[in-house]
Amino acid sequence: MEAAACYRHPSHETYVSCVRCERPICTDCMTVASVGHQCPGCVKEGRQSVRRARTVFGGAVTSAVTPVVTYALIALNVVAYVMEVVRPEVVERFGMLGAVLTGPDGALYYYEGVSAPGFELTGVAGGEWYRLLTGAFLHLEPDQSFGVMHLVFNMLALWNLGRMVEGRLGRSRFLGLYLLSAVGGSVLVYALAPETLTVGASGAVFGLAAAFWVISRRLNHDMGPVNRFLAGLLLWMVVSALFTSWQGHLGGLLTGALVTAGLAYAPPRLRTGPVQALGGVLLLGLLALVVVARTAALTG
């Protein structure tokens, strides 16, 4: 039998051919198959034709255990806190604020629907929509001294809940859930308390708590401990209404529950990345409509 030249390395002689395409391949190009050897091209083609296993929420089954997105979000919150400490004006510039007036002296005044000469409408109603998201990464309120404790409590909750939820949903879906929950919390603050400056990741954390409950129920876990956990969280929301924004907590909780229920209970044919992304965009559009309607009511 005469030796043939490898189709990828013509200078290499070989007596072996790919079992799929039958092209000659040298030892550098061989990949052991169940029967014989395959060339790199056929191996790549075979991998592309194999459907990747998916979880019941649509995410790809993976052996990766590092909650990269959770750690990245914690890092962003910590960096933002350092910026607040160094430059306290960051809070008033990027905190969640619906509608107040900035006076000629730079101070903030209550907005009653009419702007006076020399006063400027500040907040989401003034076109600063970015506050709906940026406020969820800040924790130091101007009139409070427990900003570091606010940050620590929220980051501990994010670390515990994030690892569990991210592992079930996958990184991209987890990030979408977190951001939508943060925005959902801010939107309810804007709708019910537009004159209140609020900061903190609590809305997003409550969204993760709701997601954890929905995921546990969908996977038929023992709901006793989960129900007790959620009951404690709801009790905390009621108690914390004395000194924090219960609207942000409730908005994040409802948004997180809605997003995760859509991921968990949608028909199998709809658990694809593009369809789920479209669902997230539609929910974001609905939240935007609420903001537009509230802005119209505030500004007349």
C-alpha atoms as a PDB file:
ATOM      1  CA  MET A   1       0.000   0.000   0.000  1.00  0.00           C
ATOM      2  CA  GLU A   2       1.451   3.335  -1.054  1.00  0.00           C
ATOM      3  CA  ALA A   3       1.649   6.118   1.549  1.00  0.00           C
ATOM      4  CA  ALA A   4      -0.518   9.202   0.960  1.00  0.00           C
ATOM      5  CA  ALA A   5       0.140  12.815   1.875  1.00  0.00           C
ATOM      6  CA  CYS A   6      -1.847  14.340   4.742  1.00  0.00           C
ATOM      7  CA  TYR A   7      -4.396  16.773   3.294  1.00  0.00           C
ATOM      8  CA  ARG A   8      -3.440  19.386   5.933  1.00  0.00           C
ATOM      9  CA  HIS A   9       0.309  18.686   5.979  1.00  0.00           C
ATOM     10  CA  PRO A  10       1.367  17.642   2.454  1.00  0.00           C
ATOM     11  CA  SER A  11       4.934  16.983   3.599  1.00  0.00           C
ATOM     12  CA  HIS A  12       3.749  14.258   6.016  1.00  0.00           C
ATOM     13  CA  GLU A  13       3.132  10.771   4.647  1.00  0.00           C
ATOM     14  CA  THR A  14       0.445   8.628   6.239  1.00  0.00           C
ATOM     15  CA  TYR A  15      -1.435   5.346   5.852  1.00  0.00           C
ATOM     16  CA  VAL A  16      -4.458   6.538   7.890  1.00  0.00           C
ATOM     17  CA  SER A  17      -7.631   8.165   6.562  1.00  0.00           C
ATOM     18  CA  CYS A  18     -10.484   9.939   8.336  1.00  0.00           C
ATOM     19  CA  VAL A  19     -13.348   7.508   8.891  1.00  0.00           C
ATOM     20  CA  ARG A  20     -15.901  10.182   7.922  1.00  0.00           C
ATOM     21  CA  CYS A  21     -14.474  12.034   4.905  1.00  0.00           C
ATOM     22  CA  GLU A  22     -11.794   9.438   4.023  1.00  0.00           C
ATOM     23  CA  ARG A  23      -9.126  12.104   3.530  1.00  0.00           C
ATOM     24  CA  PRO A  24      -5.587  11.086   4.569  1.00  0.00           C
ATOM     25  CA  ILE A  25      -4.492  12.492   7.941  1.00  0.00           C
ATOM     26  CA  CYS A  26      -1.173  12.405   9.777  1.00  0.00           C
ATOM     27  CA  THR A  27      -0.626  11.783  13.464  1.00  0.00           C
ATOM     28  CA  ASP A  28      -0.828  15.529  14.206  1.00  0.00           C
ATOM     29  CA  CYS A  29      -4.354  15.679  12.789  1.00  0.00           C
ATOM     30  CA  MET A  30      -5.810  12.473  14.221  1.00  0.00           C
ATOM     31  CA  THR A  31      -8.592  12.508  16.812  1.00  0.00           C
ATOM     32  CA  VAL A  32      -9.553   9.126  18.199  1.00  0.00           C
ATOM     33  CA  ALA A  33     -13.192   8.253  17.438  1.00  0.00           C
ATOM     34  CA  SER A  34     -15.339   5.323  18.559  1.00  0.00           C
ATOM     35  CA  VAL A  35     -14.137   3.581  15.410  1.00  0.00           C
ATOM     36  CA  GLY A  36     -10.902   4.720  13.769  1.00  0.00           C
ATOM     37  CA  HIS A  37      -9.763   8.342  13.617  1.00  0.00           C
ATOM     38  CA  GLN A  38     -11.290  11.625  12.459  1.00  0.00           C
ATOM     39  CA  CYS A  39      -9.752  14.754  10.973  1.00  0.00           C
ATOM     40  CA  PRO A  40     -10.081  18.197  12.668  1.00  0.00           C
ATOM     41  CA  GLY A  41     -12.687  19.357  10.149  1.00  0.00           C
ATOM     42  CA  CYS A  42     -15.010  16.436  10.779  1.00  0.00           C
ATOM     43  CA  VAL A  43     -14.556  16.740  14.544  1.00  0.00           C
ATOM     44  CA  LYS A  44     -15.572  20.420  14.416  1.00  0.00           C
ATOM     45  CA  GLU A  45     -18.555  19.642  12.203  1.00  0.00           C
ATOM     46  CA  GLY A  46     -19.679  16.890  14.561  1.00  0.00           C
ATOM     47  CA  ARG A  47     -19.518  19.153  17.594  1.00  0.00           C
ATOM     48  CA  GLN A  48     -21.653  21.805  15.872  1.00  0.00           C
ATOM     49  CA  SER A  49     -24.343  19.261  15.062  1.00  0.00           C
ATOM     50  CA  VAL A  50     -24.717  18.094  18.681  1.00  0.00           C
ATOM     51  CA  ARG A  51     -27.359  19.962  20.668  1.00  0.00           C
ATOM     52  CA  ARG A  52     -26.049  21.256  23.969  1.00  0.00           C
ATOM     53  CA  ALA A  53     -27.953  20.124  27.047  1.00  0.00           C
ATOM     54  CA  ARG A  54     -30.163  22.804  28.608  1.00  0.00           C
ATOM     55  CA  THR A  55     -31.607  23.312  32.080  1.00  0.00           C
ATOM     56  CA  VAL A  56     -35.354  23.679  32.616  1.00  0.00           C
ATOM     57  CA  PHE A  57     -34.771  27.454  32.604  1.00  0.00           C
ATOM     58  CA  GLY A  58     -33.122  27.474  29.175  1.00  0.00           C
ATOM     59  CA  GLY A  59     -29.519  27.888  30.303  1.00  0.00           C
ATOM     60  CA  ALA A  60     -26.766  25.602  29.060  1.00  0.00           C
ATOM     61  CA  VAL A  61     -25.755  22.775  31.374  1.00  0.00           C
ATOM     62  CA  THR A  62     -22.163  23.433  32.354  1.00  0.00           C
ATOM     63  CA  SER A  63     -19.631  22.054  34.776  1.00  0.00           C
ATOM     64  CA  ALA A  64     -18.457  25.575  35.660  1.00  0.00           C
ATOM     65  CA  VAL A  65     -19.147  26.360  39.315  1.00  0.00           C
ATOM     66  CA  THR A  66     -17.605  29.822  39.658  1.00  0.00           C
ATOM     67  CA  PRO A  67     -20.374  32.469  39.918  1.00  0.00           C
ATOM     68  CA  VAL A  68     -18.481  35.014  37.845  1.00  0.00           C
ATOM     69  CA  VAL A  69     -21.385  37.463  37.454  1.00  0.00           C
ATOM     70  CA  THR A  70     -22.135  37.447  41.188  1.00  0.00           C
ATOM     71  CA  TYR A  71     -18.535  38.277  42.021  1.00  0.00           C
ATOM     72  CA  ALA A  72     -18.417  40.976  39.326  1.00  0.00           C
ATOM     73  CA  LEU A  73     -21.566  42.646  40.681  1.00  0.00           C
ATOM     74  CA  ILE A  74     -20.158  42.617  44.210  1.00  0.00           C
ATOM     75  CA  ALA A  75     -16.956  44.209  42.913  1.00  0.00           C
ATOM     76  CA  LEU A  76     -18.926  46.928  41.085  1.00  0.00           C
ATOM     77  CA  ASN A  77     -20.874  47.769  44.234  1.00  0.00           C
ATOM     78  CA  VAL A  78     -17.697  47.991  46.305  1.00  0.00           C
ATOM     79  CA  VAL A  79     -15.965  50.197  43.727  1.00  0.00           C
ATOM     80  CA  ALA A  80     -19.030  52.456  43.590  1.00  0.00           C
ATOM     81  CA  TYR A  81     -18.996  52.774  47.387  1.00  0.00           C
ATOM     82  CA  VAL A  82     -15.363  53.843  47.348  1.00  0.00           C
ATOM     83  CA  MET A  83     -16.247  56.482  44.762  1.00  0.00           C
ATOM     84  CA  GLU A  84     -19.053  57.726  47.019  1.00  0.00           C
ATOM     85  CA  VAL A  85     -16.694  58.069  49.964  1.00  0.00           C
ATOM     86  CA  VAL A  86     -14.106  59.924  47.894  1.00  0.00           C
ATOM     87  CA  ARG A  87     -16.667  62.101  46.097  1.00  0.00           C
ATOM     88  CA  PRO A  88     -19.932  62.327  48.114  1.00  0.00           C
ATOM     89  CA  GLU A  89     -21.599  64.352  45.352  1.00  0.00           C
ATOM     90  CA  VAL A  90     -21.831  61.102  43.371  1.00  0.00           C
ATOM     91  CA  VAL A  91     -24.844  60.124  45.511  1.00  0.00           C
ATOM     92  CA  GLU A  92     -26.985  63.125  44.556  1.00  0.00           C
ATOM     93  CA  ARG A  93     -25.794  62.920  40.956  1.00  0.00           C
ATOM     94  CA  PHE A  94     -26.511  59.216  40.352  1.00  0.00           C
ATOM     95  CA  GLY A  95     -28.838  58.093  43.169  1.00  0.00           C
ATOM     96  CA  MET A  96     -32.412  57.117  42.377  1.00  0.00           C
ATOM     97  CA  LEU A  97     -34.363  60.370  42.441  1.00  0.00           C
ATOM     98  CA  GLY A  98     -37.714  60.908  40.762  1.00  0.00           C
ATOM     99  CA  ALA A  99     -38.598  64.591  40.777  1.00  0.00           C
ATOM    100  CA  VAL A 100     -37.196  67.426  42.893  1.00  0.00           C
ATOM    101  CA  LEU A 101     -36.080  70.968  42.203  1.00  0.00           C
ATOM    102  CA  THR A 102     -32.475  72.088  42.260  1.00  0.00           C
ATOM    103  CA  GLY A 103     -32.361  75.647  43.536  1.00  0.00           C
ATOM    104  CA  PRO A 104     -29.930  78.430  42.617  1.00  0.00           C
ATOM    105  CA  ASP A 105     -27.979  77.506  45.753  1.00  0.00           C
ATOM    106  CA  GLY A 106     -27.550  73.901  44.552  1.00  0.00           C
ATOM    107  CA  ALA A 107     -29.833  72.485  47.262  1.00  0.00           C
ATOM    108  CA  LEU A 108     -32.729  70.116  46.511  1.00  0.00           C
ATOM    109  CA  TYR A 109     -36.306  71.251  47.120  1.00  0.00           C
ATOM    110  CA  TYR A 110     -39.663  69.476  47.091  1.00  0.00           C
ATOM    111  CA  TYR A 111     -41.329  69.520  43.687  1.00  0.00           C
ATOM    112  CA  GLU A 112     -45.031  70.411  43.640  1.00  0.00           C
ATOM    113  CA  GLY A 113     -45.585  70.242  39.910  1.00  0.00           C
ATOM    114  CA  VAL A 114     -44.527  73.785  39.095  1.00  0.00           C
ATOM    115  CA  SER A 115     -40.984  75.009  38.551  1.00  0.00           C
ATOM    116  CA  ALA A 116     -40.042  78.504  39.694  1.00  0.00           C
ATOM    117  CA  PRO A 117     -37.547  80.801  37.939  1.00  0.00           C
ATOM    118  CA  GLY A 118     -34.003  79.772  38.762  1.00  0.00           C
ATOM    119  CA  PHE A 119     -35.073  76.284  39.784  1.00  0.00           C
ATOM    120  CA  GLU A 120     -34.364  73.238  37.644  1.00  0.00           C
ATOM    121  CA  LEU A 121     -36.314  69.968  37.601  1.00  0.00           C
ATOM    122  CA  THR A 122     -33.938  67.184  38.683  1.00  0.00           C
ATOM    123  CA  GLY A 123     -34.319  63.437  38.580  1.00  0.00           C
ATOM    124  CA  VAL A 124     -35.983  60.921  36.290  1.00  0.00           C
ATOM    125  CA  ALA A 125     -38.746  63.413  35.525  1.00  0.00           C
ATOM    126  CA  GLY A 126     -36.042  65.776  34.284  1.00  0.00           C
ATOM    127  CA  GLY A 127     -34.769  63.217  31.772  1.00  0.00           C
ATOM    128  CA  GLU A 128     -32.171  61.517  33.982  1.00  0.00           C
ATOM    129  CA  TRP A 129     -33.374  57.973  33.280  1.00  0.00           C
ATOM    130  CA  TYR A 130     -29.986  56.495  34.111  1.00  0.00           C
ATOM    131  CA  ARG A 131     -30.813  56.982  37.805  1.00  0.00           C
ATOM    132  CA  LEU A 132     -33.195  54.019  37.559  1.00  0.00           C
ATOM    133  CA  LEU A 133     -30.134  51.756  37.334  1.00  0.00           C
ATOM    134  CA  THR A 134     -27.193  53.674  38.788  1.00  0.00           C
ATOM    135  CA  GLY A 135     -28.928  54.136  42.138  1.00  0.00           C
ATOM    136  CA  ALA A 136     -28.867  50.355  42.612  1.00  0.00           C
ATOM    137  CA  PHE A 137     -25.049  50.398  42.808  1.00  0.00           C
ATOM    138  CA  LEU A 138     -24.771  53.135  45.458  1.00  0.00           C
ATOM    139  CA  HIS A 139     -25.122  52.691  49.220  1.00  0.00           C
ATOM    140  CA  LEU A 140     -24.054  55.877  51.010  1.00  0.00           C
ATOM    141  CA  GLU A 141     -27.000  58.192  51.654  1.00  0.00           C
ATOM    142  CA  PRO A 142     -26.155  61.842  52.392  1.00  0.00           C
ATOM    143  CA  ASP A 143     -28.057  61.997  55.695  1.00  0.00           C
ATOM    144  CA  GLN A 144     -27.042  58.589  57.087  1.00  0.00           C
ATOM    145  CA  SER A 145     -23.896  57.156  58.634  1.00  0.00           C
ATOM    146  CA  PHE A 146     -24.537  53.424  58.170  1.00  0.00           C
ATOM    147  CA  GLY A 147     -23.646  53.290  54.476  1.00  0.00           C
ATOM    148  CA  VAL A 148     -20.952  50.674  55.032  1.00  0.00           C
ATOM    149  CA  MET A 149     -23.393  48.427  56.917  1.00  0.00           C
ATOM    150  CA  HIS A 150     -25.934  48.945  54.127  1.00  0.00           C
ATOM    151  CA  LEU A 151     -23.309  47.759  51.659  1.00  0.00           C
ATOM    152  CA  VAL A 152     -22.184  44.791  53.787  1.00  0.00           C
ATOM    153  CA  PHE A 153     -25.703  43.448  54.352  1.00  0.00           C
ATOM    154  CA  ASN A 154     -26.622  43.727  50.682  1.00  0.00           C
ATOM    155  CA  MET A 155     -23.377  42.148  49.486  1.00  0.00           C
ATOM    156  CA  LEU A 156     -23.729  39.230  51.914  1.00  0.00           C
ATOM    157  CA  ALA A 157     -27.228  38.618  50.587  1.00  0.00           C
ATOM    158  CA  LEU A 158     -26.000  38.932  46.998  1.00  0.00           C
ATOM    159  CA  TRP A 159     -23.149  36.492  47.674  1.00  0.00           C
ATOM    160  CA  ASN A 160     -25.467  33.866  49.176  1.00  0.00           C
ATOM    161  CA  LEU A 161     -28.399  34.211  46.781  1.00  0.00           C
ATOM    162  CA  GLY A 162     -26.349  34.978  43.693  1.00  0.00           C
ATOM    163  CA  ARG A 163     -24.325  31.777  43.815  1.00  0.00           C
ATOM    164  CA  MET A 164     -27.456  29.631  43.950  1.00  0.00           C
ATOM    165  CA  VAL A 165     -29.495  31.527  41.365  1.00  0.00           C
ATOM    166  CA  GLU A 166     -26.650  32.049  38.893  1.00  0.00           C
ATOM    167  CA  GLY A 167     -25.836  28.346  39.002  1.00  0.00           C
ATOM    168  CA  ARG A 168     -29.410  27.501  37.989  1.00  0.00           C
ATOM    169  CA  LEU A 169     -30.110  30.191  35.409  1.00  0.00           C
ATOM    170  CA  GLY A 170     -26.707  30.630  33.830  1.00  0.00           C
ATOM    171  CA  ARG A 171     -24.693  33.827  33.653  1.00  0.00           C
ATOM    172  CA  SER A 172     -26.543  35.832  31.001  1.00  0.00           C
ATOM    173  CA  ARG A 173     -30.020  35.077  32.375  1.00  0.00           C
ATOM    174  CA  PHE A 174     -28.850  35.793  35.909  1.00  0.00           C
ATOM    175  CA  LEU A 175     -27.440  39.165  34.877  1.00  0.00           C
ATOM    176  CA  GLY A 176     -30.666  40.045  33.083  1.00  0.00           C
ATOM    177  CA  LEU A 177     -32.679  39.070  36.160  1.00  0.00           C
ATOM    178  CA  TYR A 178     -30.502  41.185  38.449  1.00  0.00           C
ATOM    179  CA  LEU A 179     -30.626  44.305  36.283  1.00  0.00           C
ATOM    180  CA  LEU A 180     -34.361  44.056  35.601  1.00  0.00           C
ATOM    181  CA  SER A 181     -35.052  43.598  39.324  1.00  0.00           C
ATOM    182  CA  ALA A 182     -32.945  46.667  40.104  1.00  0.00           C
ATOM    183  CA  VAL A 183     -34.822  48.745  37.533  1.00  0.00           C
ATOM    184  CA  GLY A 184     -38.186  47.339  38.655  1.00  0.00           C
ATOM    185  CA  GLY A 185     -37.472  48.447  42.216  1.00  0.00           C
ATOM    186  CA  SER A 186     -36.510  51.946  41.052  1.00  0.00           C
ATOM    187  CA  VAL A 187     -39.637  52.235  38.891  1.00  0.00           C
ATOM    188  CA  LEU A 188     -41.909  51.531  41.869  1.00  0.00           C
ATOM    189  CA  VAL A 189     -39.996  54.114  43.898  1.00  0.00           C
ATOM    190  CA  TYR A 190     -40.546  56.606  41.092  1.00  0.00           C
ATOM    191  CA  ALA A 191     -44.235  55.749  40.871  1.00  0.00           C
ATOM    192  CA  LEU A 192     -44.970  56.021  44.613  1.00  0.00           C
ATOM    193  CA  ALA A 193     -42.261  58.232  46.143  1.00  0.00           C
ATOM    194  CA  PRO A 194     -40.667  60.332  43.366  1.00  0.00           C
ATOM    195  CA  GLU A 195     -39.335  62.957  45.762  1.00  0.00           C
ATOM    196  CA  THR A 196     -37.284  60.457  47.806  1.00  0.00           C
ATOM    197  CA  LEU A 197     -33.575  59.923  47.121  1.00  0.00           C
ATOM    198  CA  THR A 198     -32.923  56.179  47.408  1.00  0.00           C
ATOM    199  CA  VAL A 199     -29.798  54.088  46.913  1.00  0.00           C
ATOM    200  CA  GLY A 200     -28.833  50.461  47.372  1.00  0.00           C
ATOM    201  CA  ALA A 201     -28.924  47.030  45.752  1.00  0.00           C
ATOM    202  CA  SER A 202     -31.837  45.904  47.935  1.00  0.00           C
ATOM    203  CA  GLY A 203     -34.330  45.886  45.053  1.00  0.00           C
ATOM    204  CA  ALA A 204     -32.106  43.583  43.011  1.00  0.00           C
ATOM    205  CA  VAL A 205     -31.431  41.383  46.062  1.00  0.00           C
ATOM    206  CA  PHE A 206     -35.163  41.021  46.728  1.00  0.00           C
ATOM    207  CA  GLY A 207     -35.528  40.060  43.080  1.00  0.00           C
ATOM    208  CA  LEU A 208     -32.966  37.288  43.587  1.00  0.00           C
ATOM    209  CA  ALA A 209     -34.841  36.127  46.677  1.00  0.00           C
ATOM    210  CA  ALA A 210     -38.049  35.829  44.655  1.00  0.00           C
ATOM    211  CA  ALA A 211     -36.118  33.970  41.950  1.00  0.00           C
ATOM    212  CA  PHE A 212     -34.743  31.544  44.535  1.00  0.00           C
ATOM    213  CA  TRP A 213     -38.300  30.786  45.708  1.00  0.00           C
ATOM    214  CA  VAL A 214     -39.601  30.239  42.144  1.00  0.00           C
ATOM    215  CA  ILE A 215     -36.607  28.059  41.225  1.00  0.00           C
ATOM    216  CA  SER A 216     -37.012  25.908  44.351  1.00  0.00           C
ATOM    217  CA  ARG A 217     -40.700  25.400  43.627  1.00  0.00           C
ATOM    218  CA  ARG A 218     -40.070  24.578  39.972  1.00  0.00           C
ATOM    219  CA  LEU A 219     -37.467  21.962  40.911  1.00  0.00           C
ATOM    220  CA  ASN A 220     -39.726  20.445  43.603  1.00  0.00           C
ATOM    221  CA  HIS A 221     -37.345  21.208  46.461  1.00  0.00           C
ATOM    222  CA  ASP A 222     -38.437  21.076  50.091  1.00  0.00           C
ATOM    223  CA  MET A 223     -40.318  24.384  50.347  1.00  0.00           C
ATOM    224  CA  GLY A 224     -40.412  24.534  54.146  1.00  0.00           C
ATOM    225  CA  PRO A 225     -37.020  26.228  54.635  1.00  0.00           C
ATOM    226  CA  VAL A 226     -37.531  28.307  51.488  1.00  0.00           C
ATOM    227  CA  ASN A 227     -40.927  29.571  52.661  1.00  0.00           C
ATOM    228  CA  ARG A 228     -39.495  30.471  56.063  1.00  0.00           C
ATOM    229  CA  PHE A 229     -36.659  32.338  54.371  1.00  0.00           C
ATOM    230  CA  LEU A 230     -39.048  34.328  52.187  1.00  0.00           C
ATOM    231  CA  ALA A 231     -41.354  35.036  55.134  1.00  0.00           C
ATOM    232  CA  GLY A 232     -38.385  36.437  57.063  1.00  0.00           C
ATOM    233  CA  LEU A 233     -37.472  38.577  54.085  1.00  0.00           C
ATOM    234  CA  LEU A 234     -41.007  39.953  53.809  1.00  0.00           C
ATOM    235  CA  LEU A 235     -40.998  40.707  57.540  1.00  0.00           C
ATOM    236  CA  TRP A 236     -37.718  42.545  57.090  1.00  0.00           C
ATOM    237  CA  MET A 237     -39.271  44.541  54.244  1.00  0.00           C
ATOM    238  CA  VAL A 238     -42.107  45.658  56.535  1.00  0.00           C
ATOM    239  CA  VAL A 239     -39.769  46.552  59.406  1.00  0.00           C
ATOM    240  CA  SER A 240     -37.264  48.294  57.154  1.00  0.00           C
ATOM    241  CA  ALA A 241     -40.021  50.546  55.805  1.00  0.00           C
ATOM    242  CA  LEU A 242     -39.313  52.710  58.867  1.00  0.00           C
ATOM    243  CA  PHE A 243     -35.895  53.740  57.538  1.00  0.00           C
ATOM    244  CA  THR A 244     -35.442  52.409  53.982  1.00  0.00           C
ATOM    245  CA  SER A 245     -37.400  52.311  50.742  1.00  0.00           C
ATOM    246  CA  TRP A 246     -40.010  49.552  50.938  1.00  0.00           C
ATOM    247  CA  GLN A 247     -41.102  50.537  47.426  1.00  0.00           C
ATOM    248  CA  GLY A 248     -37.727  49.514  46.017  1.00  0.00           C
ATOM    249  CA  HIS A 249     -37.827  46.214  47.884  1.00  0.00           C
ATOM    250  CA  LEU A 250     -41.347  45.378  46.705  1.00  0.00           C
ATOM    251  CA  GLY A 251     -40.671  46.447  43.119  1.00  0.00           C
ATOM    252  CA  GLY A 252     -37.571  44.271  42.933  1.00  0.00           C
ATOM    253  CA  LEU A 253     -39.390  41.322  44.522  1.00  0.00           C
ATOM    254  CA  LEU A 254     -42.277  41.468  42.039  1.00  0.00           C
ATOM    255  CA  THR A 255     -40.006  41.940  39.037  1.00  0.00           C
ATOM    256  CA  GLY A 256     -37.712  39.073  40.040  1.00  0.00           C
ATOM    257  CA  ALA A 257     -40.673  36.758  40.562  1.00  0.00           C
ATOM    258  CA  LEU A 258     -42.160  37.672  37.170  1.00  0.00           C
ATOM    259  CA  VAL A 259     -38.894  37.206  35.284  1.00  0.00           C
ATOM    260  CA  THR A 260     -38.063  33.860  36.893  1.00  0.00           C
ATOM    261  CA  ALA A 261     -41.608  32.528  36.506  1.00  0.00           C
ATOM    262  CA  GLY A 262     -41.340  33.288  32.797  1.00  0.00           C
ATOM    263  CA  LEU A 263     -38.067  31.359  32.588  1.00  0.00           C
ATOM    264  CA  ALA A 264     -39.310  28.441  34.673  1.00  0.00           C
ATOM    265  CA  TYR A 265     -42.814  27.839  33.363  1.00  0.00           C
ATOM    266  CA  ALA A 266     -42.670  28.867  29.706  1.00  0.00           C
ATOM    267  CA  PRO A 267     -43.370  26.080  27.166  1.00  0.00           C
ATOM    268  CA  PRO A 268     -40.173  24.206  26.186  1.00  0.00           C
ATOM    269  CA  ARG A 269     -40.174  25.681  22.670  1.00  0.00           C
ATOM    270  CA  LEU A 270     -39.971  29.186  24.167  1.00  0.00           C
ATOM    271  CA  ARG A 271     -36.975  28.462  26.434  1.00  0.00           C
ATOM    272  CA  THR A 272     -34.445  29.675  23.907  1.00  0.00           C
ATOM    273  CA  GLY A 273     -32.047  32.566  24.279  1.00  0.00           C
ATOM    274  CA  PRO A 274     -33.618  34.864  21.647  1.00  0.00           C
ATOM    275  CA  VAL A 275     -37.184  34.319  22.903  1.00  0.00           C
ATOM    276  CA  GLN A 276     -36.201  34.892  26.534  1.00  0.00           C
ATOM    277  CA  ALA A 277     -34.208  37.986  25.565  1.00  0.00           C
ATOM    278  CA  LEU A 278     -37.271  39.310  23.741  1.00  0.00           C
ATOM    279  CA  GLY A 279     -39.333  38.716  26.878  1.00  0.00           C
ATOM    280  CA  GLY A 280     -36.828  40.735  28.891  1.00  0.00           C
ATOM    281  CA  VAL A 281     -36.971  43.568  26.365  1.00  0.00           C
ATOM    282  CA  LEU A 282     -40.785  43.592  26.486  1.00  0.00           C
ATOM    283  CA  LEU A 283     -40.733  43.768  30.294  1.00  0.00           C
ATOM    284  CA  LEU A 284     -38.223  46.603  30.130  1.00  0.00           C
ATOM    285  CA  GLY A 285     -40.518  48.355  27.670  1.00  0.00           C
ATOM    286  CA  LEU A 286     -43.443  47.954  30.077  1.00  0.00           C
ATOM    287  CA  LEU A 287     -41.386  49.490  32.883  1.00  0.00           C
ATOM    288  CA  ALA A 288     -40.462  52.339  30.538  1.00  0.00           C
ATOM    289  CA  LEU A 289     -44.148  52.980  29.838  1.00  0.00           C
ATOM    290  CA  VAL A 290     -44.779  53.261  33.579  1.00  0.00           C
ATOM    291  CA  VAL A 291     -41.961  55.803  33.826  1.00  0.00           C
ATOM    292  CA  VAL A 292     -43.338  57.798  30.888  1.00  0.00           C
ATOM    293  CA  ALA A 293     -46.831  57.825  32.359  1.00  0.00           C
ATOM    294  CA  ARG A 294     -45.560  58.906  35.797  1.00  0.00           C
ATOM    295  CA  THR A 295     -43.421  61.624  34.251  1.00  0.00           C
ATOM    296  CA  ALA A 296     -46.427  62.951  32.339  1.00  0.00           C
ATOM    297  CA  ALA A 297     -48.473  62.994  35.553  1.00  0.00           C
ATOM    298  CA  LEU A 298     -45.747  64.862  37.430  1.00  0.00           C
ATOM    299  CA  THR A 299     -44.964  67.432  34.770  1.00  0.00           C
ATOM    300  CA  GLY A 300     -48.494  67.934  33.465  1.00  0.00           C
END
